[in-house]
Structure formats: structure tokens, C-alpha cells
Amino acid sequence: MAWYGSADYQAILPLRLNNSDGDVILIDGVSEDHKSTDILDAMV
């Protein structure tokens, strides 16, 4: 978040925005021991 909001990145961001279409997200990864069923606990 700090990178994306930084003055240095915001200064060059229009160069991409004016010359492409796209979607950008920030997302957290999972721990090294993550199992697919771990998501069930969060859902329940």
C-alpha cells in the first residue's frame, strides 16, 4: 500500500493508466503450511 500510494509511483502511474486498460488488486498470500481446507474455517 505504501508503494502504491508513494509520490514516486503516483508520479509515473498516469503513464500506464493513459496507455492501457486493466484491473489492479492487492492481495495477501498464505502461509507456507496453508492447506486448501483452511479456507473452510474462515468461511464457517
All heavy atoms as atom14 arrays in JSON, in Angstrom:
{
  "sequence": "MAWYGSADYQAILPLRLNNSDGDVILIDGVSEDHKSTDILDAMV",
  "atom14_mask": [
    [1, 1, 1, 1, 1, 1, 1, 1, 0, 0, 0, 0, 0, 0],
    [1, 1, 1, 1, 1, 0, 0, 0, 0, 0, 0, 0, 0, 0],
    [1, 1, 1, 1, 1, 1, 1, 1, 1, 1, 1, 1, 1, 1],
    [1, 1, 1, 1, 1, 1, 1, 1, 1, 1, 1, 1, 0, 0],
    [1, 1, 1, 1, 0, 0, 0, 0, 0, 0, 0, 0, 0, 0],
    [1, 1, 1, 1, 1, 1, 0, 0, 0, 0, 0, 0, 0, 0],
    [1, 1, 1, 1, 1, 0, 0, 0, 0, 0, 0, 0, 0, 0],
    [1, 1, 1, 1, 1, 1, 1, 1, 0, 0, 0, 0, 0, 0],
    [1, 1, 1, 1, 1, 1, 1, 1, 1, 1, 1, 1, 0, 0],
    [1, 1, 1, 1, 1, 1, 1, 1, 1, 0, 0, 0, 0, 0],
    [1, 1, 1, 1, 1, 0, 0, 0, 0, 0, 0, 0, 0, 0],
    [1, 1, 1, 1, 1, 1, 1, 1, 0, 0, 0, 0, 0, 0],
    [1, 1, 1, 1, 1, 1, 1, 1, 0, 0, 0, 0, 0, 0],
    [1, 1, 1, 1, 1, 1, 1, 0, 0, 0, 0, 0, 0, 0],
    [1, 1, 1, 1, 1, 1, 1, 1, 0, 0, 0, 0, 0, 0],
    [1, 1, 1, 1, 1, 1, 1, 1, 1, 1, 1, 0, 0, 0],
    [1, 1, 1, 1, 1, 1, 1, 1, 0, 0, 0, 0, 0, 0],
    [1, 1, 1, 1, 1, 1, 1, 1, 0, 0, 0, 0, 0, 0],
    [1, 1, 1, 1, 1, 1, 1, 1, 0, 0, 0, 0, 0, 0],
    [1, 1, 1, 1, 1, 1, 0, 0, 0, 0, 0, 0, 0, 0],
    [1, 1, 1, 1, 1, 1, 1, 1, 0, 0, 0, 0, 0, 0],
    [1, 1, 1, 1, 0, 0, 0, 0, 0, 0, 0, 0, 0, 0],
    [1, 1, 1, 1, 1, 1, 1, 1, 0, 0, 0, 0, 0, 0],
    [1, 1, 1, 1, 1, 1, 1, 0, 0, 0, 0, 0, 0, 0],
    [1, 1, 1, 1, 1, 1, 1, 1, 0, 0, 0, 0, 0, 0],
    [1, 1, 1, 1, 1, 1, 1, 1, 0, 0, 0, 0, 0, 0],
    [1, 1, 1, 1, 1, 1, 1, 1, 0, 0, 0, 0, 0, 0],
    [1, 1, 1, 1, 1, 1, 1, 1, 0, 0, 0, 0, 0, 0],
    [1, 1, 1, 1, 0, 0, 0, 0, 0, 0, 0, 0, 0, 0],
    [1, 1, 1, 1, 1, 1, 1, 0, 0, 0, 0, 0, 0, 0],
    [1, 1, 1, 1, 1, 1, 0, 0, 0, 0, 0, 0, 0, 0],
    [1, 1, 1, 1, 1, 1, 1, 1, 1, 0, 0, 0, 0, 0],
    [1, 1, 1, 1, 1, 1, 1, 1, 0, 0, 0, 0, 0, 0],
    [1, 1, 1, 1, 1, 1, 1, 1, 1, 1, 0, 0, 0, 0],
    [1, 1, 1, 1, 1, 1, 1, 1, 1, 0, 0, 0, 0, 0],
    [1, 1, 1, 1, 1, 1, 0, 0, 0, 0, 0, 0, 0, 0],
    [1, 1, 1, 1, 1, 1, 1, 0, 0, 0, 0, 0, 0, 0],
    [1, 1, 1, 1, 1, 1, 1, 1, 0, 0, 0, 0, 0, 0],
    [1, 1, 1, 1, 1, 1, 1, 1, 0, 0, 0, 0, 0, 0],
    [1, 1, 1, 1, 1, 1, 1, 1, 0, 0, 0, 0, 0, 0],
    [1, 1, 1, 1, 1, 1, 1, 1, 0, 0, 0, 0, 0, 0],
    [1, 1, 1, 1, 1, 0, 0, 0, 0, 0, 0, 0, 0, 0],
    [1, 1, 1, 1, 1, 1, 1, 1, 0, 0, 0, 0, 0, 0],
    [1, 1, 1, 1, 1, 1, 1, 0, 0, 0, 0, 0, 0, 0]
  ],
  "atom14_positions": [
    [[0.83, -1.21, 0.0], [0.0, 0.0, 0.0], [0.87, 1.26, 0.0], [0.55, 2.23, -0.69], [-0.93, 0.0, 1.22], [-2.02, -1.04, 1.19], [-3.3, -0.7, -0.04], [-3.98, 0.82, 0.6], [0.0, 0.0, 0.0], [0.0, 0.0, 0.0], [0.0, 0.0, 0.0], [0.0, 0.0, 0.0], [0.0, 0.0, 0.0], [0.0, 0.0, 0.0]],
    [[1.95, 1.23, 0.77], [2.84, 2.38, 0.82], [3.48, 2.63, -0.54], [3.61, 3.78, -0.97], [3.91, 2.18, 1.9], [0.0, 0.0, 0.0], [0.0, 0.0, 0.0], [0.0, 0.0, 0.0], [0.0, 0.0, 0.0], [0.0, 0.0, 0.0], [0.0, 0.0, 0.0], [0.0, 0.0, 0.0], [0.0, 0.0, 0.0], [0.0, 0.0, 0.0]],
    [[3.88, 1.56, -1.23], [4.43, 1.71, -2.59], [3.4, 2.33, -3.52], [3.69, 3.31, -4.19], [4.9, 0.35, -3.15], [5.05, 0.39, -4.64], [6.04, 1.0, -5.35], [4.16, -0.17, -5.6], [5.81, 0.85, -6.7], [4.66, 0.13, -6.87], [2.97, -0.91, -5.51], [4.02, -0.27, -8.05], [2.35, -1.31, -6.67], [2.87, -0.99, -7.93]],
    [[2.2, 1.76, -3.55], [1.19, 2.24, -4.49], [0.84, 3.7, -4.23], [0.64, 4.47, -5.16], [-0.07, 1.37, -4.43], [-1.02, 1.7, -5.55], [-0.86, 1.13, -6.81], [-2.07, 2.6, -5.37], [-1.72, 1.44, -7.86], [-2.94, 2.92, -6.41], [-2.75, 2.34, -7.64], [-3.6, 2.66, -8.69], [0.0, 0.0, 0.0], [0.0, 0.0, 0.0]],
    [[0.79, 4.09, -2.98], [0.45, 5.46, -2.64], [1.63, 6.43, -2.62], [1.44, 7.63, -2.42], [0.0, 0.0, 0.0], [0.0, 0.0, 0.0], [0.0, 0.0, 0.0], [0.0, 0.0, 0.0], [0.0, 0.0, 0.0], [0.0, 0.0, 0.0], [0.0, 0.0, 0.0], [0.0, 0.0, 0.0], [0.0, 0.0, 0.0], [0.0, 0.0, 0.0]],
    [[2.83, 5.92, -2.85], [4.02, 6.77, -2.78], [4.01, 7.84, -3.87], [3.48, 7.66, -4.96], [5.3, 5.93, -2.9], [5.45, 5.44, -4.22], [0.0, 0.0, 0.0], [0.0, 0.0, 0.0], [0.0, 0.0, 0.0], [0.0, 0.0, 0.0], [0.0, 0.0, 0.0], [0.0, 0.0, 0.0], [0.0, 0.0, 0.0], [0.0, 0.0, 0.0]],
    [[4.62, 8.97, -3.55], [4.72, 10.06, -4.53], [5.46, 9.61, -5.78], [5.08, 9.98, -6.9], [5.42, 11.26, -3.89], [0.0, 0.0, 0.0], [0.0, 0.0, 0.0], [0.0, 0.0, 0.0], [0.0, 0.0, 0.0], [0.0, 0.0, 0.0], [0.0, 0.0, 0.0], [0.0, 0.0, 0.0], [0.0, 0.0, 0.0], [0.0, 0.0, 0.0]],
    [[6.5, 8.79, -5.61], [7.27, 8.33, -6.77], [6.42, 7.48, -7.71], [6.48, 7.64, -8.93], [8.51, 7.54, -6.33], [9.58, 8.44, -5.72], [9.56, 9.66, -5.98], [10.43, 7.9, -4.99], [0.0, 0.0, 0.0], [0.0, 0.0, 0.0], [0.0, 0.0, 0.0], [0.0, 0.0, 0.0], [0.0, 0.0, 0.0], [0.0, 0.0, 0.0]],
    [[5.63, 6.54, -7.14], [4.8, 5.7, -8.02], [3.64, 6.51, -8.6], [3.32, 6.39, -9.78], [4.29, 4.45, -7.32], [3.57, 3.57, -8.31], [4.27, 2.97, -9.35], [2.2, 3.39, -8.25], [3.62, 2.22, -10.32], [1.53, 2.63, -9.19], [2.25, 2.05, -10.23], [1.6, 1.31, -11.19], [0.0, 0.0, 0.0], [0.0, 0.0, 0.0]],
    [[3.01, 7.33, -7.79], [1.89, 8.12, -8.28], [2.32, 9.05, -9.41], [1.54, 9.35, -10.31], [1.24, 8.91, -7.14], [0.48, 8.04, -6.16], [-0.69, 7.32, -6.81], [-1.54, 7.95, -7.44], [-0.75, 6.0, -6.66], [0.0, 0.0, 0.0], [0.0, 0.0, 0.0], [0.0, 0.0, 0.0], [0.0, 0.0, 0.0], [0.0, 0.0, 0.0]],
    [[3.59, 9.47, -9.4], [4.1, 10.34, -10.47], [4.17, 9.63, -11.81], [3.97, 10.26, -12.86], [5.47, 10.9, -10.09], [0.0, 0.0, 0.0], [0.0, 0.0, 0.0], [0.0, 0.0, 0.0], [0.0, 0.0, 0.0], [0.0, 0.0, 0.0], [0.0, 0.0, 0.0], [0.0, 0.0, 0.0], [0.0, 0.0, 0.0], [0.0, 0.0, 0.0]],
    [[4.43, 8.32, -11.8], [4.53, 7.59, -13.08], [3.25, 6.84, -13.44], [3.08, 6.43, -14.58], [5.74, 6.63, -13.12], [5.58, 5.46, -12.17], [7.03, 7.4, -12.88], [6.6, 4.34, -12.36], [0.0, 0.0, 0.0], [0.0, 0.0, 0.0], [0.0, 0.0, 0.0], [0.0, 0.0, 0.0], [0.0, 0.0, 0.0], [0.0, 0.0, 0.0]],
    [[2.35, 6.66, -12.5], [1.12, 5.9, -12.73], [0.33, 6.39, -13.94], [-0.15, 5.57, -14.73], [0.26, 5.89, -11.47], [-1.06, 5.12, -11.54], [-0.83, 3.66, -11.94], [-1.78, 5.22, -10.2], [0.0, 0.0, 0.0], [0.0, 0.0, 0.0], [0.0, 0.0, 0.0], [0.0, 0.0, 0.0], [0.0, 0.0, 0.0], [0.0, 0.0, 0.0]],
    [[0.18, 7.69, -14.17], [-0.58, 8.13, -15.35], [0.0, 7.63, -16.67], [-0.74, 7.46, -17.65], [-0.51, 9.66, -15.27], [-0.33, 9.95, -13.82], [0.54, 8.82, -13.3], [0.0, 0.0, 0.0], [0.0, 0.0, 0.0], [0.0, 0.0, 0.0], [0.0, 0.0, 0.0], [0.0, 0.0, 0.0], [0.0, 0.0, 0.0], [0.0, 0.0, 0.0]],
    [[1.3, 7.36, -16.71], [1.91, 6.83, -17.93], [1.29, 5.48, -18.3], [1.09, 5.18, -19.47], [3.42, 6.69, -17.77], [4.2, 7.98, -17.47], [5.65, 7.66, -17.18], [4.05, 8.97, -18.61], [0.0, 0.0, 0.0], [0.0, 0.0, 0.0], [0.0, 0.0, 0.0], [0.0, 0.0, 0.0], [0.0, 0.0, 0.0], [0.0, 0.0, 0.0]],
    [[0.99, 4.66, -17.28], [0.33, 3.37, -17.54], [-1.16, 3.55, -17.74], [-1.74, 3.0, -18.68], [0.59, 2.38, -16.4], [-0.1, 1.04, -16.66], [0.17, 0.02, -15.58], [-0.24, 0.41, -14.26], [-1.5, 0.43, -13.8], [-2.51, 0.12, -14.59], [-1.75, 0.77, -12.56], [0.0, 0.0, 0.0], [0.0, 0.0, 0.0], [0.0, 0.0, 0.0]],
    [[-1.79, 4.33, -16.88], [-3.24, 4.5, -16.97], [-3.68, 5.09, -18.31], [-4.73, 4.72, -18.82], [-3.74, 5.38, -15.83], [-3.63, 4.79, -14.42], [-4.05, 5.83, -13.39], [-4.43, 3.51, -14.3], [0.0, 0.0, 0.0], [0.0, 0.0, 0.0], [0.0, 0.0, 0.0], [0.0, 0.0, 0.0], [0.0, 0.0, 0.0], [0.0, 0.0, 0.0]],
    [[-2.88, 5.99, -18.85], [-3.24, 6.62, -20.12], [-2.93, 5.76, -21.34], [-3.29, 6.14, -22.45], [-2.51, 7.96, -20.26], [-2.97, 8.98, -19.25], [-4.09, 8.92, -18.74], [-2.1, 9.92, -18.91], [0.0, 0.0, 0.0], [0.0, 0.0, 0.0], [0.0, 0.0, 0.0], [0.0, 0.0, 0.0], [0.0, 0.0, 0.0], [0.0, 0.0, 0.0]],
    [[-2.29, 4.61, -21.13], [-1.85, 3.79, -22.25], [-2.2, 2.33, -22.12], [-1.62, 1.48, -22.8], [-0.33, 3.95, -22.44], [0.01, 5.34, -22.89], [-0.14, 5.67, -24.05], [0.45, 6.19, -21.97], [0.0, 0.0, 0.0], [0.0, 0.0, 0.0], [0.0, 0.0, 0.0], [0.0, 0.0, 0.0], [0.0, 0.0, 0.0], [0.0, 0.0, 0.0]],
    [[-3.15, 2.0, -21.24], [-3.58, 0.62, -21.08], [-4.92, 0.58, -20.36], [-5.32, 1.55, -19.72], [-2.55, -0.2, -20.31], [-2.45, 0.24, -18.97], [0.0, 0.0, 0.0], [0.0, 0.0, 0.0], [0.0, 0.0, 0.0], [0.0, 0.0, 0.0], [0.0, 0.0, 0.0], [0.0, 0.0, 0.0], [0.0, 0.0, 0.0], [0.0, 0.0, 0.0]],
    [[-5.58, -0.54, -20.49], [-6.77, -0.83, -19.69], [-6.37, -1.93, -18.73], [-5.51, -2.75, -19.06], [-7.92, -1.35, -20.57], [-8.34, -0.34, -21.62], [-8.43, 0.85, -21.29], [-8.56, -0.75, -22.77], [0.0, 0.0, 0.0], [0.0, 0.0, 0.0], [0.0, 0.0, 0.0], [0.0, 0.0, 0.0], [0.0, 0.0, 0.0], [0.0, 0.0, 0.0]],
    [[-6.99, -1.98, -17.58], [-6.65, -3.08, -16.7], [-7.29, -3.0, -15.34], [-7.99, -2.04, -15.01], [0.0, 0.0, 0.0], [0.0, 0.0, 0.0], [0.0, 0.0, 0.0], [0.0, 0.0, 0.0], [0.0, 0.0, 0.0], [0.0, 0.0, 0.0], [0.0, 0.0, 0.0], [0.0, 0.0, 0.0], [0.0, 0.0, 0.0], [0.0, 0.0, 0.0]],
    [[-7.03, -4.03, -14.59], [-7.51, -4.16, -13.22], [-6.29, -4.42, -12.35], [-5.39, -5.19, -12.74], [-8.48, -5.34, -13.1], [-9.63, -5.22, -14.09], [-10.38, -4.24, -13.98], [-9.74, -6.08, -14.97], [0.0, 0.0, 0.0], [0.0, 0.0, 0.0], [0.0, 0.0, 0.0], [0.0, 0.0, 0.0], [0.0, 0.0, 0.0], [0.0, 0.0, 0.0]],
    [[-6.25, -3.8, -11.18], [-5.13, -3.96, -10.27], [-5.7, -4.22, -8.88], [-6.62, -3.53, -8.44], [-4.23, -2.71, -10.25], [-3.11, -2.86, -9.23], [-3.66, -2.44, -11.63], [0.0, 0.0, 0.0], [0.0, 0.0, 0.0], [0.0, 0.0, 0.0], [0.0, 0.0, 0.0], [0.0, 0.0, 0.0], [0.0, 0.0, 0.0], [0.0, 0.0, 0.0]],
    [[-5.14, -5.22, -8.2], [-5.56, -5.54, -6.84], [-4.33, -5.74, -5.97], [-3.24, -6.02, -6.47], [-6.44, -6.81, -6.77], [-5.66, -8.05, -7.25], [-7.72, -6.63, -7.58], [-6.35, -9.37, -6.96], [0.0, 0.0, 0.0], [0.0, 0.0, 0.0], [0.0, 0.0, 0.0], [0.0, 0.0, 0.0], [0.0, 0.0, 0.0], [0.0, 0.0, 0.0]],
    [[-4.53, -5.61, -4.66], [-3.55, -6.05, -3.67], [-4.19, -7.21, -2.93], [-5.37, -7.14, -2.56], [-3.22, -4.94, -2.68], [-2.48, -3.74, -3.22], [-2.25, -2.72, -2.1], [-1.17, -4.13, -3.86], [0.0, 0.0, 0.0], [0.0, 0.0, 0.0], [0.0, 0.0, 0.0], [0.0, 0.0, 0.0], [0.0, 0.0, 0.0], [0.0, 0.0, 0.0]],
    [[-3.42, -8.27, -2.72], [-3.96, -9.44, -2.04], [-2.88, -10.09, -1.2], [-1.71, -10.11, -1.58], [-4.57, -10.44, -3.06], [-5.39, -11.5, -2.37], [-3.49, -11.01, -3.97], [-6.37, -12.19, -3.27], [0.0, 0.0, 0.0], [0.0, 0.0, 0.0], [0.0, 0.0, 0.0], [0.0, 0.0, 0.0], [0.0, 0.0, 0.0], [0.0, 0.0, 0.0]],
    [[-3.29, -10.57, -0.03], [-2.35, -11.26, 0.84], [-2.13, -12.69, 0.38], [-3.06, -13.33, -0.12], [-2.87, -11.28, 2.28], [-2.93, -9.9, 2.9], [-2.04, -9.07, 2.59], [-3.85, -9.63, 3.69], [0.0, 0.0, 0.0], [0.0, 0.0, 0.0], [0.0, 0.0, 0.0], [0.0, 0.0, 0.0], [0.0, 0.0, 0.0], [0.0, 0.0, 0.0]],
    [[-0.92, -13.17, 0.58], [-0.61, -14.56, 0.31], [-1.05, -15.42, 1.49], [-1.72, -14.95, 2.42], [0.0, 0.0, 0.0], [0.0, 0.0, 0.0], [0.0, 0.0, 0.0], [0.0, 0.0, 0.0], [0.0, 0.0, 0.0], [0.0, 0.0, 0.0], [0.0, 0.0, 0.0], [0.0, 0.0, 0.0], [0.0, 0.0, 0.0], [0.0, 0.0, 0.0]],
    [[-0.68, -16.67, 1.45], [-0.99, -17.61, 2.53], [0.32, -18.1, 3.13], [1.39, -17.98, 2.53], [-1.84, -18.81, 2.02], [-3.19, -18.32, 1.53], [-1.12, -19.58, 0.93], [0.0, 0.0, 0.0], [0.0, 0.0, 0.0], [0.0, 0.0, 0.0], [0.0, 0.0, 0.0], [0.0, 0.0, 0.0], [0.0, 0.0, 0.0], [0.0, 0.0, 0.0]],
    [[0.23, -18.7, 4.31], [1.42, -19.23, 4.96], [1.92, -20.46, 4.2], [1.19, -21.07, 3.42], [1.1, -19.6, 6.41], [0.15, -20.65, 6.44], [0.0, 0.0, 0.0], [0.0, 0.0, 0.0], [0.0, 0.0, 0.0], [0.0, 0.0, 0.0], [0.0, 0.0, 0.0], [0.0, 0.0, 0.0], [0.0, 0.0, 0.0], [0.0, 0.0, 0.0]],
    [[3.18, -20.8, 4.46], [3.77, -21.94, 3.76], [3.07, -23.25, 4.08], [3.09, -24.18, 3.28], [5.26, -22.04, 4.09], [6.07, -20.96, 3.43], [7.56, -21.17, 3.61], [8.0, -22.34, 3.76], [8.29, -20.17, 3.6], [0.0, 0.0, 0.0], [0.0, 0.0, 0.0], [0.0, 0.0, 0.0], [0.0, 0.0, 0.0], [0.0, 0.0, 0.0]],
    [[2.45, -23.35, 5.25], [1.78, -24.59, 5.63], [0.28, -24.57, 5.32], [-0.47, -25.43, 5.77], [2.03, -24.89, 7.11], [1.46, -23.83, 8.04], [1.14, -22.71, 7.57], [1.32, -24.11, 9.25], [0.0, 0.0, 0.0], [0.0, 0.0, 0.0], [0.0, 0.0, 0.0], [0.0, 0.0, 0.0], [0.0, 0.0, 0.0], [0.0, 0.0, 0.0]],
    [[-0.16, -23.61, 4.53], [-1.59, -23.48, 4.19], [-2.08, -24.72, 3.44], [-1.42, -25.24, 2.55], [-1.8, -22.24, 3.31], [-3.22, -22.06, 2.89], [-4.15, -21.43, 3.68], [-3.87, -22.44, 1.77], [-5.32, -21.41, 3.05], [-5.17, -22.02, 1.89], [0.0, 0.0, 0.0], [0.0, 0.0, 0.0], [0.0, 0.0, 0.0], [0.0, 0.0, 0.0]],
    [[-3.26, -25.15, 3.81], [-3.96, -26.26, 3.13], [-5.25, -25.71, 2.56], [-5.84, -24.77, 3.11], [-4.26, -27.41, 4.1], [-3.05, -27.97, 4.81], [-2.23, -28.81, 3.86], [-1.1, -29.49, 4.6], [0.2, -29.01, 4.3], [0.0, 0.0, 0.0], [0.0, 0.0, 0.0], [0.0, 0.0, 0.0], [0.0, 0.0, 0.0], [0.0, 0.0, 0.0]],
    [[-5.74, -26.31, 1.52], [-6.96, -25.8, 0.89], [-8.14, -25.77, 1.86], [-8.99, -24.87, 1.81], [-7.32, -26.62, -0.35], [-7.59, -27.96, 0.0], [0.0, 0.0, 0.0], [0.0, 0.0, 0.0], [0.0, 0.0, 0.0], [0.0, 0.0, 0.0], [0.0, 0.0, 0.0], [0.0, 0.0, 0.0], [0.0, 0.0, 0.0], [0.0, 0.0, 0.0]],
    [[-8.19, -26.71, 2.78], [-9.31, -26.76, 3.73], [-9.26, -25.65, 4.77], [-10.27, -25.4, 5.45], [-9.36, -28.13, 4.42], [-8.08, -28.4, 5.01], [-9.74, -29.23, 3.44], [0.0, 0.0, 0.0], [0.0, 0.0, 0.0], [0.0, 0.0, 0.0], [0.0, 0.0, 0.0], [0.0, 0.0, 0.0], [0.0, 0.0, 0.0], [0.0, 0.0, 0.0]],
    [[-8.13, -24.95, 4.9], [-8.04, -23.84, 5.85], [-9.08, -22.77, 5.54], [-9.57, -22.1, 6.44], [-6.64, -23.22, 5.85], [-5.58, -24.16, 6.39], [-5.94, -25.18, 7.02], [-4.38, -23.86, 6.19], [0.0, 0.0, 0.0], [0.0, 0.0, 0.0], [0.0, 0.0, 0.0], [0.0, 0.0, 0.0], [0.0, 0.0, 0.0], [0.0, 0.0, 0.0]],
    [[-9.42, -22.62, 4.3], [-10.4, -21.6, 3.91], [-11.79, -21.93, 4.45], [-12.6, -21.04, 4.68], [-10.41, -21.41, 2.37], [-11.12, -20.1, 2.0], [-11.07, -22.56, 1.66], [-10.34, -18.87, 2.3], [0.0, 0.0, 0.0], [0.0, 0.0, 0.0], [0.0, 0.0, 0.0], [0.0, 0.0, 0.0], [0.0, 0.0, 0.0], [0.0, 0.0, 0.0]],
    [[-12.05, -23.2, 4.7], [-13.36, -23.6, 5.22], [-13.59, -23.02, 6.6], [-14.71, -22.59, 6.92], [-13.5, -25.11, 5.24], [-13.48, -25.8, 3.88], [-13.5, -27.31, 4.04], [-14.62, -25.32, 3.01], [0.0, 0.0, 0.0], [0.0, 0.0, 0.0], [0.0, 0.0, 0.0], [0.0, 0.0, 0.0], [0.0, 0.0, 0.0], [0.0, 0.0, 0.0]],
    [[-12.56, -22.99, 7.43], [-12.69, -22.41, 8.77], [-13.1, -20.94, 8.67], [-13.96, -20.48, 9.42], [-11.4, -22.54, 9.56], [-11.06, -23.99, 9.88], [-12.0, -24.81, 9.97], [-9.86, -24.28, 10.07], [0.0, 0.0, 0.0], [0.0, 0.0, 0.0], [0.0, 0.0, 0.0], [0.0, 0.0, 0.0], [0.0, 0.0, 0.0], [0.0, 0.0, 0.0]],
    [[-12.48, -20.21, 7.76], [-12.8, -18.79, 7.58], [-14.22, -18.63, 7.07], [-14.92, -17.7, 7.47], [-11.8, -18.14, 6.65], [0.0, 0.0, 0.0], [0.0, 0.0, 0.0], [0.0, 0.0, 0.0], [0.0, 0.0, 0.0], [0.0, 0.0, 0.0], [0.0, 0.0, 0.0], [0.0, 0.0, 0.0], [0.0, 0.0, 0.0], [0.0, 0.0, 0.0]],
    [[-14.65, -19.52, 6.18], [-15.99, -19.41, 5.61], [-17.07, -19.72, 6.65], [-18.1, -19.07, 6.69], [-16.13, -20.36, 4.41], [-15.23, -19.98, 3.25], [-15.17, -21.27, 2.01], [-16.66, -20.9, 1.1], [0.0, 0.0, 0.0], [0.0, 0.0, 0.0], [0.0, 0.0, 0.0], [0.0, 0.0, 0.0], [0.0, 0.0, 0.0], [0.0, 0.0, 0.0]],
    [[-16.81, -20.7, 7.5], [-17.79, -21.11, 8.51], [-17.92, -20.05, 9.59], [-19.02, -19.81, 10.1], [-17.39, -22.47, 9.11], [-18.26, -22.83, 10.31], [-17.49, -23.56, 8.04], [0.0, 0.0, 0.0], [0.0, 0.0, 0.0], [0.0, 0.0, 0.0], [0.0, 0.0, 0.0], [0.0, 0.0, 0.0], [0.0, 0.0, 0.0], [0.0, 0.0, 0.0]]
  ]
}
